[in-house]
Amino acid sequence: FVHELGHYLAARLLGLVVDVFSIGF
C-alpha cells in the first residue's frame, strides 16, 4: 500500500492521469 501510494501521489501531483488504484489482485 505504501509503495503504490508513492506512485499514486507522485502521479497526481505531477498531473498524470490515474485510472485505477488497487491493493491486491
PDB file of all heavy atoms in Angstrom:
ATOM      1  N   PHE A   1       0.832  -1.205   0.000  1.00  0.00           N
ATOM      2  CA  PHE A   1       0.000   0.000   0.000  1.00  0.00           C
ATOM      3  C   PHE A   1       0.865   1.253   0.000  1.00  0.00           C
ATOM      4  O   PHE A   1       0.633   2.188  -0.777  1.00  0.00           O
ATOM      5  CB  PHE A   1      -0.941   0.004   1.209  1.00  0.00           C
ATOM      6  CG  PHE A   1      -1.697   1.290   1.353  1.00  0.00           C
ATOM      7  CD1 PHE A   1      -2.763   1.573   0.528  1.00  0.00           C
ATOM      8  CD2 PHE A   1      -1.315   2.217   2.303  1.00  0.00           C
ATOM      9  CE1 PHE A   1      -3.454   2.779   0.650  1.00  0.00           C
ATOM     10  CE2 PHE A   1      -1.995   3.420   2.443  1.00  0.00           C
ATOM     11  CZ  PHE A   1      -3.063   3.693   1.600  1.00  0.00           C
ATOM     12  N   VAL A   2       1.887   1.292   0.852  1.00  0.00           N
ATOM     13  CA  VAL A   2       2.773   2.457   0.936  1.00  0.00           C
ATOM     14  C   VAL A   2       3.501   2.658  -0.401  1.00  0.00           C
ATOM     15  O   VAL A   2       3.610   3.788  -0.891  1.00  0.00           O
ATOM     16  CB  VAL A   2       3.783   2.287   2.100  1.00  0.00           C
ATOM     17  CG1 VAL A   2       4.872   3.332   2.043  1.00  0.00           C
ATOM     18  CG2 VAL A   2       3.050   2.349   3.434  1.00  0.00           C
ATOM     19  N   HIS A   3       3.961   1.580  -1.000  1.00  0.00           N
ATOM     20  CA  HIS A   3       4.660   1.653  -2.278  1.00  0.00           C
ATOM     21  C   HIS A   3       3.756   2.226  -3.373  1.00  0.00           C
ATOM     22  O   HIS A   3       4.116   3.171  -4.074  1.00  0.00           O
ATOM     23  CB  HIS A   3       5.153   0.250  -2.666  1.00  0.00           C
ATOM     24  CG  HIS A   3       5.880   0.202  -3.956  1.00  0.00           C
ATOM     25  ND1 HIS A   3       7.237   0.389  -4.048  1.00  0.00           N
ATOM     26  CD2 HIS A   3       5.440   0.007  -5.223  1.00  0.00           C
ATOM     27  CE1 HIS A   3       7.605   0.303  -5.325  1.00  0.00           C
ATOM     28  NE2 HIS A   3       6.527   0.064  -6.057  1.00  0.00           N
ATOM     29  N   GLU A   4       2.569   1.663  -3.506  1.00  0.00           N
ATOM     30  CA  GLU A   4       1.633   2.126  -4.536  1.00  0.00           C
ATOM     31  C   GLU A   4       1.140   3.542  -4.252  1.00  0.00           C
ATOM     32  O   GLU A   4       0.887   4.308  -5.179  1.00  0.00           O
ATOM     33  CB  GLU A   4       0.454   1.153  -4.668  1.00  0.00           C
ATOM     34  CG  GLU A   4       0.847  -0.239  -5.116  1.00  0.00           C
ATOM     35  CD  GLU A   4       1.640  -0.277  -6.417  1.00  0.00           C
ATOM     36  OE1 GLU A   4       1.466   0.604  -7.286  1.00  0.00           O
ATOM     37  OE2 GLU A   4       2.453  -1.205  -6.565  1.00  0.00           O
ATOM     38  N   LEU A   5       1.013   3.889  -2.975  1.00  0.00           N
ATOM     39  CA  LEU A   5       0.623   5.250  -2.612  1.00  0.00           C
ATOM     40  C   LEU A   5       1.669   6.248  -3.099  1.00  0.00           C
ATOM     41  O   LEU A   5       1.332   7.346  -3.547  1.00  0.00           O
ATOM     42  CB  LEU A   5       0.437   5.360  -1.098  1.00  0.00           C
ATOM     43  CG  LEU A   5      -0.076   6.696  -0.582  1.00  0.00           C
ATOM     44  CD1 LEU A   5      -1.479   6.986  -1.091  1.00  0.00           C
ATOM     45  CD2 LEU A   5      -0.041   6.713   0.948  1.00  0.00           C
ATOM     46  N   GLY A   6       2.940   5.876  -3.042  1.00  0.00           N
ATOM     47  CA  GLY A   6       4.001   6.740  -3.554  1.00  0.00           C
ATOM     48  C   GLY A   6       3.827   7.013  -5.037  1.00  0.00           C
ATOM     49  O   GLY A   6       3.900   8.167  -5.479  1.00  0.00           O
ATOM     50  N   HIS A   7       3.587   5.963  -5.822  1.00  0.00           N
ATOM     51  CA  HIS A   7       3.342   6.149  -7.257  1.00  0.00           C
ATOM     52  C   HIS A   7       2.114   7.028  -7.486  1.00  0.00           C
ATOM     53  O   HIS A   7       2.136   7.949  -8.302  1.00  0.00           O
ATOM     54  CB  HIS A   7       3.119   4.810  -7.953  1.00  0.00           C
ATOM     55  CG  HIS A   7       4.304   3.922  -8.007  1.00  0.00           C
ATOM     56  ND1 HIS A   7       5.529   4.313  -8.494  1.00  0.00           N
ATOM     57  CD2 HIS A   7       4.456   2.625  -7.635  1.00  0.00           C
ATOM     58  CE1 HIS A   7       6.374   3.298  -8.427  1.00  0.00           C
ATOM     59  NE2 HIS A   7       5.751   2.256  -7.910  1.00  0.00           N
ATOM     60  N   TYR A   8       1.046   6.720  -6.767  1.00  0.00           N
ATOM     61  CA  TYR A   8      -0.223   7.431  -6.939  1.00  0.00           C
ATOM     62  C   TYR A   8      -0.083   8.927  -6.627  1.00  0.00           C
ATOM     63  O   TYR A   8      -0.495   9.775  -7.423  1.00  0.00           O
ATOM     64  CB  TYR A   8      -1.284   6.797  -6.038  1.00  0.00           C
ATOM     65  CG  TYR A   8      -2.583   7.564  -5.974  1.00  0.00           C
ATOM     66  CD1 TYR A   8      -3.518   7.448  -6.984  1.00  0.00           C
ATOM     67  CD2 TYR A   8      -2.865   8.398  -4.902  1.00  0.00           C
ATOM     68  CE1 TYR A   8      -4.707   8.155  -6.937  1.00  0.00           C
ATOM     69  CE2 TYR A   8      -4.054   9.103  -4.847  1.00  0.00           C
ATOM     70  CZ  TYR A   8      -4.966   8.986  -5.862  1.00  0.00           C
ATOM     71  OH  TYR A   8      -6.133   9.688  -5.814  1.00  0.00           O
ATOM     72  N   LEU A   9       0.497   9.256  -5.477  1.00  0.00           N
ATOM     73  CA  LEU A   9       0.617  10.661  -5.080  1.00  0.00           C
ATOM     74  C   LEU A   9       1.535  11.437  -6.019  1.00  0.00           C
ATOM     75  O   LEU A   9       1.232  12.583  -6.373  1.00  0.00           O
ATOM     76  CB  LEU A   9       1.109  10.762  -3.633  1.00  0.00           C
ATOM     77  CG  LEU A   9       0.121  10.291  -2.571  1.00  0.00           C
ATOM     78  CD1 LEU A   9       0.762  10.348  -1.188  1.00  0.00           C
ATOM     79  CD2 LEU A   9      -1.157  11.114  -2.600  1.00  0.00           C
ATOM     80  N   ALA A  10       2.635  10.820  -6.446  1.00  0.00           N
ATOM     81  CA  ALA A  10       3.531  11.492  -7.388  1.00  0.00           C
ATOM     82  C   ALA A  10       2.822  11.743  -8.718  1.00  0.00           C
ATOM     83  O   ALA A  10       2.940  12.828  -9.295  1.00  0.00           O
ATOM     84  CB  ALA A  10       4.795  10.659  -7.598  1.00  0.00           C
ATOM     85  N   ALA A  11       2.089  10.750  -9.203  1.00  0.00           N
ATOM     86  CA  ALA A  11       1.368  10.899 -10.470  1.00  0.00           C
ATOM     87  C   ALA A  11       0.317  12.008 -10.377  1.00  0.00           C
ATOM     88  O   ALA A  11       0.210  12.843 -11.284  1.00  0.00           O
ATOM     89  CB  ALA A  11       0.715   9.578 -10.867  1.00  0.00           C
ATOM     90  N   ARG A  12      -0.427  12.023  -9.291  1.00  0.00           N
ATOM     91  CA  ARG A  12      -1.453  13.071  -9.126  1.00  0.00           C
ATOM     92  C   ARG A  12      -0.811  14.453  -9.006  1.00  0.00           C
ATOM     93  O   ARG A  12      -1.284  15.424  -9.586  1.00  0.00           O
ATOM     94  CB  ARG A  12      -2.315  12.793  -7.894  1.00  0.00           C
ATOM     95  CG  ARG A  12      -3.213  11.569  -7.971  1.00  0.00           C
ATOM     96  CD  ARG A  12      -4.311  11.702  -9.017  1.00  0.00           C
ATOM     97  NE  ARG A  12      -5.129  12.868  -8.842  1.00  0.00           N
ATOM     98  CZ  ARG A  12      -6.331  12.910  -8.284  1.00  0.00           C
ATOM     99  NH1 ARG A  12      -6.865  11.809  -7.846  1.00  0.00           N
ATOM    100  NH2 ARG A  12      -6.991  14.032  -8.178  1.00  0.00           N
ATOM    101  N   LEU A  13       0.270  14.543  -8.243  1.00  0.00           N
ATOM    102  CA  LEU A  13       0.960  15.814  -8.039  1.00  0.00           C
ATOM    103  C   LEU A  13       1.523  16.364  -9.351  1.00  0.00           C
ATOM    104  O   LEU A  13       1.493  17.572  -9.583  1.00  0.00           O
ATOM    105  CB  LEU A  13       2.093  15.631  -7.026  1.00  0.00           C
ATOM    106  CG  LEU A  13       2.900  16.874  -6.667  1.00  0.00           C
ATOM    107  CD1 LEU A  13       2.033  17.842  -5.872  1.00  0.00           C
ATOM    108  CD2 LEU A  13       4.124  16.505  -5.861  1.00  0.00           C
ATOM    109  N   LEU A  14       1.992  15.481 -10.227  1.00  0.00           N
ATOM    110  CA  LEU A  14       2.594  15.905 -11.487  1.00  0.00           C
ATOM    111  C   LEU A  14       1.603  15.971 -12.646  1.00  0.00           C
ATOM    112  O   LEU A  14       1.988  16.221 -13.784  1.00  0.00           O
ATOM    113  CB  LEU A  14       3.754  14.968 -11.845  1.00  0.00           C
ATOM    114  CG  LEU A  14       4.923  15.015 -10.851  1.00  0.00           C
ATOM    115  CD1 LEU A  14       5.947  13.946 -11.175  1.00  0.00           C
ATOM    116  CD2 LEU A  14       5.558  16.392 -10.832  1.00  0.00           C
ATOM    117  N   GLY A  15       0.323  15.737 -12.369  1.00  0.00           N
ATOM    118  CA  GLY A  15      -0.714  15.911 -13.380  1.00  0.00           C
ATOM    119  C   GLY A  15      -0.931  14.759 -14.331  1.00  0.00           C
ATOM    120  O   GLY A  15      -1.529  14.940 -15.390  1.00  0.00           O
ATOM    121  N   LEU A  16      -0.478  13.569 -13.983  1.00  0.00           N
ATOM    122  CA  LEU A  16      -0.714  12.408 -14.829  1.00  0.00           C
ATOM    123  C   LEU A  16      -2.126  11.876 -14.607  1.00  0.00           C
ATOM    124  O   LEU A  16      -2.713  12.073 -13.546  1.00  0.00           O
ATOM    125  CB  LEU A  16       0.291  11.289 -14.528  1.00  0.00           C
ATOM    126  CG  LEU A  16       1.649  11.384 -15.214  1.00  0.00           C
ATOM    127  CD1 LEU A  16       2.467  12.513 -14.661  1.00  0.00           C
ATOM    128  CD2 LEU A  16       2.384  10.077 -15.090  1.00  0.00           C
ATOM    129  N   VAL A  17      -2.644  11.174 -15.597  1.00  0.00           N
ATOM    130  CA  VAL A  17      -3.953  10.553 -15.500  1.00  0.00           C
ATOM    131  C   VAL A  17      -3.811   9.239 -14.746  1.00  0.00           C
ATOM    132  O   VAL A  17      -2.948   8.421 -15.061  1.00  0.00           O
ATOM    133  CB  VAL A  17      -4.551  10.298 -16.903  1.00  0.00           C
ATOM    134  CG1 VAL A  17      -5.849   9.526 -16.813  1.00  0.00           C
ATOM    135  CG2 VAL A  17      -4.747  11.611 -17.641  1.00  0.00           C
ATOM    136  N   VAL A  18      -4.660   9.041 -13.739  1.00  0.00           N
ATOM    137  CA  VAL A  18      -4.681   7.793 -12.972  1.00  0.00           C
ATOM    138  C   VAL A  18      -6.029   7.129 -13.235  1.00  0.00           C
ATOM    139  O   VAL A  18      -7.067   7.743 -13.032  1.00  0.00           O
ATOM    140  CB  VAL A  18      -4.498   8.043 -11.457  1.00  0.00           C
ATOM    141  CG1 VAL A  18      -4.591   6.744 -10.683  1.00  0.00           C
ATOM    142  CG2 VAL A  18      -3.184   8.747 -11.180  1.00  0.00           C
ATOM    143  N   ASP A  19      -6.010   5.883 -13.703  1.00  0.00           N
ATOM    144  CA  ASP A  19      -7.257   5.151 -13.956  1.00  0.00           C
ATOM    145  C   ASP A  19      -7.674   4.301 -12.759  1.00  0.00           C
ATOM    146  O   ASP A  19      -8.842   4.274 -12.392  1.00  0.00           O
ATOM    147  CB  ASP A  19      -7.123   4.247 -15.182  1.00  0.00           C
ATOM    148  CG  ASP A  19      -7.153   5.024 -16.488  1.00  0.00           C
ATOM    149  OD1 ASP A  19      -7.594   6.198 -16.487  1.00  0.00           O
ATOM    150  OD2 ASP A  19      -6.736   4.462 -17.516  1.00  0.00           O
ATOM    151  N   VAL A  20      -6.708   3.578 -12.156  1.00  0.00           N
ATOM    152  CA  VAL A  20      -7.037   2.633 -11.087  1.00  0.00           C
ATOM    153  C   VAL A  20      -5.957   2.678 -10.008  1.00  0.00           C
ATOM    154  O   VAL A  20      -4.767   2.766 -10.307  1.00  0.00           O
ATOM    155  CB  VAL A  20      -7.119   1.177 -11.632  1.00  0.00           C
ATOM    156  CG1 VAL A  20      -7.447   0.193 -10.518  1.00  0.00           C
ATOM    157  CG2 VAL A  20      -8.111   1.062 -12.763  1.00  0.00           C
ATOM    158  N   PHE A  21      -6.407   2.602  -8.748  1.00  0.00           N
ATOM    159  CA  PHE A  21      -5.517   2.390  -7.602  1.00  0.00           C
ATOM    160  C   PHE A  21      -6.022   1.125  -6.931  1.00  0.00           C
ATOM    161  O   PHE A  21      -7.128   1.096  -6.403  1.00  0.00           O
ATOM    162  CB  PHE A  21      -5.580   3.572  -6.635  1.00  0.00           C
ATOM    163  CG  PHE A  21      -4.683   3.401  -5.428  1.00  0.00           C
ATOM    164  CD1 PHE A  21      -3.363   3.780  -5.474  1.00  0.00           C
ATOM    165  CD2 PHE A  21      -5.171   2.848  -4.258  1.00  0.00           C
ATOM    166  CE1 PHE A  21      -2.533   3.630  -4.369  1.00  0.00           C
ATOM    167  CE2 PHE A  21      -4.357   2.685  -3.152  1.00  0.00           C
ATOM    168  CZ  PHE A  21      -3.035   3.081  -3.207  1.00  0.00           C
ATOM    169  N   SER A  22      -5.215   0.055  -6.986  1.00  0.00           N
ATOM    170  CA  SER A  22      -5.670  -1.240  -6.470  1.00  0.00           C
ATOM    171  C   SER A  22      -4.664  -1.828  -5.499  1.00  0.00           C
ATOM    172  O   SER A  22      -3.464  -1.815  -5.747  1.00  0.00           O
ATOM    173  CB  SER A  22      -5.868  -2.220  -7.627  1.00  0.00           C
ATOM    174  OG  SER A  22      -6.219  -3.496  -7.144  1.00  0.00           O
ATOM    175  N   ILE A  23      -5.174  -2.346  -4.405  1.00  0.00           N
ATOM    176  CA  ILE A  23      -4.386  -3.130  -3.476  1.00  0.00           C
ATOM    177  C   ILE A  23      -4.921  -4.550  -3.562  1.00  0.00           C
ATOM    178  O   ILE A  23      -6.104  -4.791  -3.340  1.00  0.00           O
ATOM    179  CB  ILE A  23      -4.496  -2.595  -2.036  1.00  0.00           C
ATOM    180  CG1 ILE A  23      -3.968  -1.172  -1.969  1.00  0.00           C
ATOM    181  CG2 ILE A  23      -3.766  -3.494  -1.059  1.00  0.00           C
ATOM    182  CD1 ILE A  23      -2.536  -0.988  -2.408  1.00  0.00           C
ATOM    183  N   GLY A  24      -4.063  -5.474  -3.924  1.00  0.00           N
ATOM    184  CA  GLY A  24      -4.481  -6.850  -4.124  1.00  0.00           C
ATOM    185  C   GLY A  24      -4.829  -7.101  -5.581  1.00  0.00           C
ATOM    186  O   GLY A  24      -5.038  -6.166  -6.361  1.00  0.00           O
ATOM    187  N   PHE A  25      -4.847  -8.366  -5.943  1.00  0.00           N
ATOM    188  CA  PHE A  25      -5.172  -8.773  -7.304  1.00  0.00           C
ATOM    189  C   PHE A  25      -6.438  -9.624  -7.287  1.00  0.00           C
ATOM    190  O   PHE A  25      -6.932 -10.009  -6.238  1.00  0.00           O
ATOM    191  CB  PHE A  25      -4.023  -9.576  -7.918  1.00  0.00           C
ATOM    192  CG  PHE A  25      -2.788  -8.757  -8.161  1.00  0.00           C
ATOM    193  CD1 PHE A  25      -1.610  -9.057  -7.507  1.00  0.00           C
ATOM    194  CD2 PHE A  25      -2.798  -7.695  -9.048  1.00  0.00           C
ATOM    195  CE1 PHE A  25      -0.461  -8.321  -7.735  1.00  0.00           C
ATOM    196  CE2 PHE A  25      -1.656  -6.950  -9.283  1.00  0.00           C
ATOM    197  CZ  PHE A  25      -0.491  -7.262  -8.624  1.00  0.00           C
TER     198      PHE A  25
END
